[in-house]
Amino acid sequence: MKNYELIYVVKPNAEEDVKEAVLNKIKDVVGTNGEVGKVDTWGNKKLAYPIQKFTEGYYVLVNFQSGIDVPKEIDRNLKINENVIRHMIVAND
């Protein structure tokens, strides 16, 4: 299993249950073939440039261990979620 780091940005006007649902979906996907390490919620931060007419975003950092197929599934899920405006997954050595 490899170590991964995921950061994603949710729309700042999203409800609290929507933000929780995104995190729970990630935990479910990772739970199939890995484990979630640390979840660090940064809260609302100013974006470097406007994204979809938003100047702020709700940031969450997730560290996890999994096989190589899990990041692809997380990427697919976050792409189709209309509440996530950006995300990035990086493999840590």
PDB file of N, CA and C in Angstrom:
ATOM      1  N   MET A   1       0.834  -1.182   0.000  1.00  0.00           N
ATOM      2  CA  MET A   1       0.000   0.000   0.000  1.00  0.00           C
ATOM      3  C   MET A   1       0.879   1.246   0.000  1.00  0.00           C
ATOM      4  N   LYS A   2       0.381   2.273  -0.675  1.00  0.00           N
ATOM      5  CA  LYS A   2       1.112   3.531  -0.769  1.00  0.00           C
ATOM      6  C   LYS A   2       0.419   4.598   0.070  1.00  0.00           C
ATOM      7  N   ASN A   3       1.182   5.609   0.443  1.00  0.00           N
ATOM      8  CA  ASN A   3       0.640   6.754   1.165  1.00  0.00           C
ATOM      9  C   ASN A   3       0.202   7.813   0.163  1.00  0.00           C
ATOM     10  N   TYR A   4      -0.977   8.379   0.383  1.00  0.00           N
ATOM     11  CA  TYR A   4      -1.507   9.422  -0.487  1.00  0.00           C
ATOM     12  C   TYR A   4      -1.977  10.606   0.337  1.00  0.00           C
ATOM     13  N   GLU A   5      -2.004  11.737  -0.325  1.00  0.00           N
ATOM     14  CA  GLU A   5      -2.504  12.960   0.277  1.00  0.00           C
ATOM     15  C   GLU A   5      -3.532  13.552  -0.680  1.00  0.00           C
ATOM     16  N   LEU A   6      -4.720  13.811  -0.187  1.00  0.00           N
ATOM     17  CA  LEU A   6      -5.805  14.375  -0.984  1.00  0.00           C
ATOM     18  C   LEU A   6      -6.188  15.709  -0.380  1.00  0.00           C
ATOM     19  N   ILE A   7      -6.277  16.723  -1.209  1.00  0.00           N
ATOM     20  CA  ILE A   7      -6.836  17.996  -0.773  1.00  0.00           C
ATOM     21  C   ILE A   7      -7.970  18.320  -1.728  1.00  0.00           C
ATOM     22  N   TYR A   8      -9.075  18.735  -1.158  1.00  0.00           N
ATOM     23  CA  TYR A   8     -10.208  19.110  -1.994  1.00  0.00           C
ATOM     24  C   TYR A   8     -10.849  20.375  -1.456  1.00  0.00           C
ATOM     25  N   VAL A   9     -11.504  21.103  -2.364  1.00  0.00           N
ATOM     26  CA  VAL A   9     -12.139  22.374  -2.031  1.00  0.00           C
ATOM     27  C   VAL A   9     -13.623  22.266  -2.362  1.00  0.00           C
ATOM     28  N   VAL A  10     -14.456  22.511  -1.356  1.00  0.00           N
ATOM     29  CA  VAL A  10     -15.906  22.476  -1.512  1.00  0.00           C
ATOM     30  C   VAL A  10     -16.409  23.910  -1.619  1.00  0.00           C
ATOM     31  N   LYS A  11     -17.525  24.093  -2.312  1.00  0.00           N
ATOM     32  CA  LYS A  11     -18.130  25.419  -2.416  1.00  0.00           C
ATOM     33  C   LYS A  11     -18.349  25.991  -1.014  1.00  0.00           C
ATOM     34  N   PRO A  12     -18.025  27.268  -0.804  1.00  0.00           N
ATOM     35  CA  PRO A  12     -18.123  27.836   0.547  1.00  0.00           C
ATOM     36  C   PRO A  12     -19.561  27.970   1.042  1.00  0.00           C
ATOM     37  N   ASN A  13     -20.526  28.006   0.145  1.00  0.00           N
ATOM     38  CA  ASN A  13     -21.915  28.157   0.569  1.00  0.00           C
ATOM     39  C   ASN A  13     -22.621  26.816   0.738  1.00  0.00           C
ATOM     40  N   ALA A  14     -21.885  25.712   0.667  1.00  0.00           N
ATOM     41  CA  ALA A  14     -22.476  24.373   0.828  1.00  0.00           C
ATOM     42  C   ALA A  14     -22.880  24.168   2.286  1.00  0.00           C
ATOM     43  N   GLU A  15     -23.962  23.428   2.472  1.00  0.00           N
ATOM     44  CA  GLU A  15     -24.439  23.110   3.817  1.00  0.00           C
ATOM     45  C   GLU A  15     -23.451  22.191   4.529  1.00  0.00           C
ATOM     46  N   GLU A  16     -23.528  22.170   5.843  1.00  0.00           N
ATOM     47  CA  GLU A  16     -22.620  21.345   6.652  1.00  0.00           C
ATOM     48  C   GLU A  16     -22.797  19.860   6.349  1.00  0.00           C
ATOM     49  N   ASP A  17     -24.040  19.425   6.103  1.00  0.00           N
ATOM     50  CA  ASP A  17     -24.263  18.010   5.812  1.00  0.00           C
ATOM     51  C   ASP A  17     -23.704  17.614   4.446  1.00  0.00           C
ATOM     52  N   VAL A  18     -23.640  18.556   3.510  1.00  0.00           N
ATOM     53  CA  VAL A  18     -23.035  18.290   2.197  1.00  0.00           C
ATOM     54  C   VAL A  18     -21.524  18.095   2.354  1.00  0.00           C
ATOM     55  N   LYS A  19     -20.901  18.941   3.152  1.00  0.00           N
ATOM     56  CA  LYS A  19     -19.461  18.819   3.408  1.00  0.00           C
ATOM     57  C   LYS A  19     -19.142  17.490   4.086  1.00  0.00           C
ATOM     58  N   GLU A  20     -19.997  17.093   5.023  1.00  0.00           N
ATOM     59  CA  GLU A  20     -19.821  15.822   5.707  1.00  0.00           C
ATOM     60  C   GLU A  20     -20.018  14.638   4.757  1.00  0.00           C
ATOM     61  N   ALA A  21     -20.988  14.770   3.843  1.00  0.00           N
ATOM     62  CA  ALA A  21     -21.270  13.693   2.888  1.00  0.00           C
ATOM     63  C   ALA A  21     -20.087  13.456   1.953  1.00  0.00           C
ATOM     64  N   VAL A  22     -19.416  14.527   1.537  1.00  0.00           N
ATOM     65  CA  VAL A  22     -18.243  14.385   0.669  1.00  0.00           C
ATOM     66  C   VAL A  22     -17.141  13.625   1.408  1.00  0.00           C
ATOM     67  N   LEU A  23     -16.880  14.005   2.652  1.00  0.00           N
ATOM     68  CA  LEU A  23     -15.850  13.339   3.436  1.00  0.00           C
ATOM     69  C   LEU A  23     -16.224  11.878   3.701  1.00  0.00           C
ATOM     70  N   ASN A  24     -17.482  11.608   4.000  1.00  0.00           N
ATOM     71  CA  ASN A  24     -17.919  10.228   4.236  1.00  0.00           C
ATOM     72  C   ASN A  24     -17.779   9.372   2.988  1.00  0.00           C
ATOM     73  N   LYS A  25     -18.051   9.943   1.821  1.00  0.00           N
ATOM     74  CA  LYS A  25     -17.891   9.205   0.565  1.00  0.00           C
ATOM     75  C   LYS A  25     -16.423   8.828   0.356  1.00  0.00           C
ATOM     76  N   ILE A  26     -15.522   9.760   0.640  1.00  0.00           N
ATOM     77  CA  ILE A  26     -14.088   9.487   0.511  1.00  0.00           C
ATOM     78  C   ILE A  26     -13.676   8.385   1.478  1.00  0.00           C
ATOM     79  N   LYS A  27     -14.155   8.458   2.714  1.00  0.00           N
ATOM     80  CA  LYS A  27     -13.824   7.431   3.704  1.00  0.00           C
ATOM     81  C   LYS A  27     -14.353   6.062   3.281  1.00  0.00           C
ATOM     82  N   ASP A  28     -15.541   6.033   2.672  1.00  0.00           N
ATOM     83  CA  ASP A  28     -16.107   4.761   2.204  1.00  0.00           C
ATOM     84  C   ASP A  28     -15.260   4.155   1.087  1.00  0.00           C
ATOM     85  N   VAL A  29     -14.844   4.993   0.143  1.00  0.00           N
ATOM     86  CA  VAL A  29     -14.047   4.503  -0.984  1.00  0.00           C
ATOM     87  C   VAL A  29     -12.696   3.995  -0.500  1.00  0.00           C
ATOM     88  N   VAL A  30     -12.050   4.757   0.390  1.00  0.00           N
ATOM     89  CA  VAL A  30     -10.747   4.332   0.912  1.00  0.00           C
ATOM     90  C   VAL A  30     -10.903   3.076   1.766  1.00  0.00           C
ATOM     91  N   GLY A  31     -11.991   2.967   2.496  1.00  0.00           N
ATOM     92  CA  GLY A  31     -12.212   1.830   3.376  1.00  0.00           C
ATOM     93  C   GLY A  31     -12.305   0.498   2.664  1.00  0.00           C
ATOM     94  N   THR A  32     -12.617   0.497   1.369  1.00  0.00           N
ATOM     95  CA  THR A  32     -12.711  -0.756   0.621  1.00  0.00           C
ATOM     96  C   THR A  32     -11.355  -1.423   0.464  1.00  0.00           C
ATOM     97  N   ASN A  33     -10.281  -0.622   0.313  1.00  0.00           N
ATOM     98  CA  ASN A  33      -8.957  -1.203   0.080  1.00  0.00           C
ATOM     99  C   ASN A  33      -7.883  -0.303   0.679  1.00  0.00           C
ATOM    100  N   GLY A  34      -8.031   0.072   1.936  1.00  0.00           N
ATOM    101  CA  GLY A  34      -7.042   0.931   2.565  1.00  0.00           C
ATOM    102  C   GLY A  34      -7.569   1.489   3.865  1.00  0.00           C
ATOM    103  N   GLU A  35      -6.889   2.521   4.352  1.00  0.00           N
ATOM    104  CA  GLU A  35      -7.329   3.143   5.596  1.00  0.00           C
ATOM    105  C   GLU A  35      -7.028   4.634   5.578  1.00  0.00           C
ATOM    106  N   VAL A  36      -7.937   5.399   6.178  1.00  0.00           N
ATOM    107  CA  VAL A  36      -7.778   6.849   6.282  1.00  0.00           C
ATOM    108  C   VAL A  36      -6.900   7.138   7.487  1.00  0.00           C
ATOM    109  N   GLY A  37      -5.902   7.966   7.265  1.00  0.00           N
ATOM    110  CA  GLY A  37      -5.017   8.363   8.359  1.00  0.00           C
ATOM    111  C   GLY A  37      -5.540   9.594   9.061  1.00  0.00           C
ATOM    112  N   LYS A  38      -5.069  10.741   8.650  1.00  0.00           N
ATOM    113  CA  LYS A  38      -5.413  12.005   9.294  1.00  0.00           C
ATOM    114  C   LYS A  38      -6.335  12.810   8.388  1.00  0.00           C
ATOM    115  N   VAL A  39      -7.367  13.411   8.974  1.00  0.00           N
ATOM    116  CA  VAL A  39      -8.248  14.326   8.262  1.00  0.00           C
ATOM    117  C   VAL A  39      -8.093  15.692   8.907  1.00  0.00           C
ATOM    118  N   ASP A  40      -7.643  16.667   8.125  1.00  0.00           N
ATOM    119  CA  ASP A  40      -7.398  18.012   8.631  1.00  0.00           C
ATOM    120  C   ASP A  40      -8.320  18.984   7.902  1.00  0.00           C
ATOM    121  N   THR A  41      -9.276  19.561   8.617  1.00  0.00           N
ATOM    122  CA  THR A  41     -10.212  20.511   8.032  1.00  0.00           C
ATOM    123  C   THR A  41      -9.666  21.923   8.222  1.00  0.00           C
ATOM    124  N   TRP A  42      -9.410  22.599   7.115  1.00  0.00           N
ATOM    125  CA  TRP A  42      -8.862  23.951   7.173  1.00  0.00           C
ATOM    126  C   TRP A  42      -9.956  25.010   7.223  1.00  0.00           C
ATOM    127  N   GLY A  43     -11.155  24.670   6.795  1.00  0.00           N
ATOM    128  CA  GLY A  43     -12.254  25.628   6.796  1.00  0.00           C
ATOM    129  C   GLY A  43     -12.224  26.517   5.564  1.00  0.00           C
ATOM    130  N   ASN A  44     -12.924  27.641   5.641  1.00  0.00           N
ATOM    131  CA  ASN A  44     -13.002  28.565   4.505  1.00  0.00           C
ATOM    132  C   ASN A  44     -11.716  29.378   4.384  1.00  0.00           C
ATOM    133  N   LYS A  45     -11.147  29.352   3.205  1.00  0.00           N
ATOM    134  CA  LYS A  45      -9.928  30.114   2.890  1.00  0.00           C
ATOM    135  C   LYS A  45     -10.141  30.839   1.573  1.00  0.00           C
ATOM    136  N   LYS A  46      -9.427  31.927   1.397  1.00  0.00           N
ATOM    137  CA  LYS A  46      -9.493  32.688   0.155  1.00  0.00           C
ATOM    138  C   LYS A  46      -8.760  31.939  -0.946  1.00  0.00           C
ATOM    139  N   LEU A  47      -9.365  31.877  -2.123  1.00  0.00           N
ATOM    140  CA  LEU A  47      -8.744  31.226  -3.270  1.00  0.00           C
ATOM    141  C   LEU A  47      -7.757  32.176  -3.943  1.00  0.00           C
ATOM    142  N   ALA A  48      -6.765  31.648  -4.612  1.00  0.00           N
ATOM    143  CA  ALA A  48      -5.773  32.463  -5.313  1.00  0.00           C
ATOM    144  C   ALA A  48      -6.394  33.181  -6.506  1.00  0.00           C
ATOM    145  N   TYR A  49      -7.391  32.551  -7.110  1.00  0.00           N
ATOM    146  CA  TYR A  49      -8.119  33.131  -8.239  1.00  0.00           C
ATOM    147  C   TYR A  49      -9.541  32.590  -8.198  1.00  0.00           C
ATOM    148  N   PRO A  50     -10.486  33.321  -8.772  1.00  0.00           N
ATOM    149  CA  PRO A  50     -11.879  32.854  -8.729  1.00  0.00           C
ATOM    150  C   PRO A  50     -12.066  31.534  -9.483  1.00  0.00           C
ATOM    151  N   ILE A  51     -12.832  30.626  -8.873  1.00  0.00           N
ATOM    152  CA  ILE A  51     -13.194  29.353  -9.486  1.00  0.00           C
ATOM    153  C   ILE A  51     -14.709  29.275  -9.461  1.00  0.00           C
ATOM    154  N   GLN A  52     -15.317  29.155 -10.620  1.00  0.00           N
ATOM    155  CA  GLN A  52     -16.773  29.107 -10.746  1.00  0.00           C
ATOM    156  C   GLN A  52     -17.427  30.282 -10.017  1.00  0.00           C
ATOM    157  N   LYS A  53     -16.816  31.457 -10.121  1.00  0.00           N
ATOM    158  CA  LYS A  53     -17.273  32.713  -9.523  1.00  0.00           C
ATOM    159  C   LYS A  53     -17.205  32.727  -7.997  1.00  0.00           C
ATOM    160  N   PHE A  54     -16.479  31.781  -7.398  1.00  0.00           N
ATOM    161  CA  PHE A  54     -16.257  31.768  -5.955  1.00  0.00           C
ATOM    162  C   PHE A  54     -14.872  32.331  -5.667  1.00  0.00           C
ATOM    163  N   THR A  55     -14.765  33.160  -4.629  1.00  0.00           N
ATOM    164  CA  THR A  55     -13.468  33.695  -4.219  1.00  0.00           C
ATOM    165  C   THR A  55     -12.964  33.008  -2.952  1.00  0.00           C
ATOM    166  N   GLU A  56     -13.791  32.179  -2.329  1.00  0.00           N
ATOM    167  CA  GLU A  56     -13.413  31.405  -1.157  1.00  0.00           C
ATOM    168  C   GLU A  56     -13.777  29.946  -1.377  1.00  0.00           C
ATOM    169  N   GLY A  57     -13.175  29.071  -0.592  1.00  0.00           N
ATOM    170  CA  GLY A  57     -13.498  27.656  -0.657  1.00  0.00           C
ATOM    171  C   GLY A  57     -13.271  27.002   0.685  1.00  0.00           C
ATOM    172  N   TYR A  58     -13.948  25.894   0.924  1.00  0.00           N
ATOM    173  CA  TYR A  58     -13.834  25.121   2.157  1.00  0.00           C
ATOM    174  C   TYR A  58     -12.828  23.996   1.908  1.00  0.00           C
ATOM    175  N   TYR A  59     -11.654  24.091   2.530  1.00  0.00           N
ATOM    176  CA  TYR A  59     -10.541  23.172   2.283  1.00  0.00           C
ATOM    177  C   TYR A  59     -10.532  22.010   3.279  1.00  0.00           C
ATOM    178  N   VAL A  60     -10.244  20.810   2.765  1.00  0.00           N
ATOM    179  CA  VAL A  60     -10.070  19.629   3.613  1.00  0.00           C
ATOM    180  C   VAL A  60      -8.872  18.836   3.086  1.00  0.00           C
ATOM    181  N   LEU A  61      -7.985  18.443   3.993  1.00  0.00           N
ATOM    182  CA  LEU A  61      -6.808  17.639   3.663  1.00  0.00           C
ATOM    183  C   LEU A  61      -6.985  16.255   4.275  1.00  0.00           C
ATOM    184  N   VAL A  62      -6.812  15.213   3.450  1.00  0.00           N
ATOM    185  CA  VAL A  62      -6.989  13.835   3.905  1.00  0.00           C
ATOM    186  C   VAL A  62      -5.733  13.042   3.557  1.00  0.00           C
ATOM    187  N   ASN A  63      -5.128  12.412   4.560  1.00  0.00           N
ATOM    188  CA  ASN A  63      -4.010  11.495   4.346  1.00  0.00           C
ATOM    189  C   ASN A  63      -4.539  10.079   4.462  1.00  0.00           C
ATOM    190  N   PHE A  64      -4.158   9.220   3.511  1.00  0.00           N
ATOM    191  CA  PHE A  64      -4.638   7.844   3.555  1.00  0.00           C
ATOM    192  C   PHE A  64      -3.639   6.903   2.913  1.00  0.00           C
ATOM    193  N   GLN A  65      -3.788   5.612   3.229  1.00  0.00           N
ATOM    194  CA  GLN A  65      -2.999   4.539   2.636  1.00  0.00           C
ATOM    195  C   GLN A  65      -3.950   3.651   1.860  1.00  0.00           C
ATOM    196  N   SER A  66      -3.545   3.263   0.658  1.00  0.00           N
ATOM    197  CA  SER A  66      -4.409   2.384  -0.123  1.00  0.00           C
ATOM    198  C   SER A  66      -3.622   1.773  -1.274  1.00  0.00           C
ATOM    199  N   GLY A  67      -4.331   0.904  -2.007  1.00  0.00           N
ATOM    200  CA  GLY A  67      -3.782   0.353  -3.230  1.00  0.00           C
ATOM    201  C   GLY A  67      -3.852   1.402  -4.337  1.00  0.00           C
ATOM    202  N   ILE A  68      -3.329   1.064  -5.506  1.00  0.00           N
ATOM    203  CA  ILE A  68      -3.233   2.049  -6.582  1.00  0.00           C
ATOM    204  C   ILE A  68      -4.555   2.335  -7.273  1.00  0.00           C
ATOM    205  N   ASP A  69      -5.564   1.499  -7.072  1.00  0.00           N
ATOM    206  CA  ASP A  69      -6.840   1.733  -7.743  1.00  0.00           C
ATOM    207  C   ASP A  69      -7.751   2.693  -6.983  1.00  0.00           C
ATOM    208  N   VAL A  70      -7.528   2.898  -5.689  1.00  0.00           N
ATOM    209  CA  VAL A  70      -8.395   3.752  -4.871  1.00  0.00           C
ATOM    210  C   VAL A  70      -8.317   5.229  -5.277  1.00  0.00           C
ATOM    211  N   PRO A  71      -7.130   5.808  -5.520  1.00  0.00           N
ATOM    212  CA  PRO A  71      -7.103   7.214  -5.944  1.00  0.00           C
ATOM    213  C   PRO A  71      -7.877   7.469  -7.239  1.00  0.00           C
ATOM    214  N   LYS A  72      -7.879   6.513  -8.145  1.00  0.00           N
ATOM    215  CA  LYS A  72      -8.638   6.670  -9.385  1.00  0.00           C
ATOM    216  C   LYS A  72     -10.132   6.745  -9.102  1.00  0.00           C
ATOM    217  N   GLU A  73     -10.597   5.922  -8.179  1.00  0.00           N
ATOM    218  CA  GLU A  73     -12.015   5.914  -7.819  1.00  0.00           C
ATOM    219  C   GLU A  73     -12.399   7.199  -7.076  1.00  0.00           C
ATOM    220  N   ILE A  74     -11.522   7.684  -6.198  1.00  0.00           N
ATOM    221  CA  ILE A  74     -11.782   8.951  -5.507  1.00  0.00           C
ATOM    222  C   ILE A  74     -11.843  10.084  -6.518  1.00  0.00           C
ATOM    223  N   ASP A  75     -10.904  10.099  -7.458  1.00  0.00           N
ATOM    224  CA  ASP A  75     -10.882  11.126  -8.500  1.00  0.00           C
ATOM    225  C   ASP A  75     -12.180  11.122  -9.297  1.00  0.00           C
ATOM    226  N   ARG A  76     -12.649   9.949  -9.651  1.00  0.00           N
ATOM    227  CA  ARG A  76     -13.893   9.832 -10.411  1.00  0.00           C
ATOM    228  C   ARG A  76     -15.082  10.374  -9.613  1.00  0.00           C
ATOM    229  N   ASN A  77     -15.143  10.030  -8.332  1.00  0.00           N
ATOM    230  CA  ASN A  77     -16.242  10.486  -7.491  1.00  0.00           C
ATOM    231  C   ASN A  77     -16.231  11.997  -7.278  1.00  0.00           C
ATOM    232  N   LEU A  78     -15.045  12.570  -7.090  1.00  0.00           N
ATOM    233  CA  LEU A  78     -14.974  14.006  -6.854  1.00  0.00           C
ATOM    234  C   LEU A  78     -15.246  14.809  -8.126  1.00  0.00           C
ATOM    235  N   LYS A  79     -14.916  14.252  -9.288  1.00  0.00           N
ATOM    236  CA  LYS A  79     -15.198  14.940 -10.549  1.00  0.00           C
ATOM    237  C   LYS A  79     -16.692  15.080 -10.804  1.00  0.00           C
ATOM    238  N   ILE A  80     -17.482  14.081 -10.393  1.00  0.00           N
ATOM    239  CA  ILE A  80     -18.915  14.135 -10.674  1.00  0.00           C
ATOM    240  C   ILE A  80     -19.712  14.826  -9.564  1.00  0.00           C
ATOM    241  N   ASN A  81     -19.054  15.181  -8.458  1.00  0.00           N
ATOM    242  CA  ASN A  81     -19.726  15.875  -7.364  1.00  0.00           C
ATOM    243  C   ASN A  81     -19.733  17.370  -7.666  1.00  0.00           C
ATOM    244  N   GLU A  82     -20.918  17.965  -7.804  1.00  0.00           N
ATOM    245  CA  GLU A  82     -21.006  19.379  -8.177  1.00  0.00           C
ATOM    246  C   GLU A  82     -20.629  20.322  -7.039  1.00  0.00           C
ATOM    247  N   ASN A  83     -20.499  19.818  -5.809  1.00  0.00           N
ATOM    248  CA  ASN A  83     -20.122  20.670  -4.684  1.00  0.00           C
ATOM    249  C   ASN A  83     -18.613  20.813  -4.528  1.00  0.00           C
ATOM    250  N   VAL A  84     -17.835  19.937  -5.160  1.00  0.00           N
ATOM    251  CA  VAL A  84     -16.371  20.004  -5.095  1.00  0.00           C
ATOM    252  C   VAL A  84     -15.889  20.821  -6.291  1.00  0.00           C
ATOM    253  N   ILE A  85     -15.190  21.938  -6.005  1.00  0.00           N
ATOM    254  CA  ILE A  85     -14.747  22.794  -7.121  1.00  0.00           C
ATOM    255  C   ILE A  85     -13.316  22.491  -7.557  1.00  0.00           C
ATOM    256  N   ARG A  86     -12.488  21.930  -6.682  1.00  0.00           N
ATOM    257  CA  ARG A  86     -11.133  21.494  -7.048  1.00  0.00           C
ATOM    258  C   ARG A  86     -10.709  20.353  -6.129  1.00  0.00           C
ATOM    259  N   HIS A  87      -9.827  19.493  -6.647  1.00  0.00           N
ATOM    260  CA  HIS A  87      -9.227  18.456  -5.831  1.00  0.00           C
ATOM    261  C   HIS A  87      -7.898  18.031  -6.440  1.00  0.00           C
ATOM    262  N   MET A  88      -7.043  17.465  -5.590  1.00  0.00           N
ATOM    263  CA  MET A  88      -5.747  16.986  -6.055  1.00  0.00           C
ATOM    264  C   MET A  88      -5.308  15.834  -5.152  1.00  0.00           C
ATOM    265  N   ILE A  89      -4.820  14.762  -5.779  1.00  0.00           N
ATOM    266  CA  ILE A  89      -4.306  13.608  -5.050  1.00  0.00           C
ATOM    267  C   ILE A  89      -2.827  13.463  -5.385  1.00  0.00           C
ATOM    268  N   VAL A  90      -2.001  13.347  -4.349  1.00  0.00           N
ATOM    269  CA  VAL A  90      -0.555  13.237  -4.517  1.00  0.00           C
ATOM    270  C   VAL A  90      -0.078  12.012  -3.758  1.00  0.00           C
ATOM    271  N   ALA A  91       0.805  11.227  -4.394  1.00  0.00           N
ATOM    272  CA  ALA A  91       1.405  10.065  -3.733  1.00  0.00           C
ATOM    273  C   ALA A  91       2.616  10.533  -2.924  1.00  0.00           C
ATOM    274  N   ASN A  92       2.678  10.134  -1.653  1.00  0.00           N
ATOM    275  CA  ASN A  92       3.805  10.467  -0.785  1.00  0.00           C
ATOM    276  C   ASN A  92       4.753   9.275  -0.742  1.00  0.00           C
ATOM    277  N   ASP A  93       6.037   9.551  -0.734  1.00  0.00           N
ATOM    278  CA  ASP A  93       7.028   8.468  -0.643  1.00  0.00           C
ATOM    279  C   ASP A  93       7.438   8.214   0.774  1.00  0.00           C
TER     280      ASP A  93
END
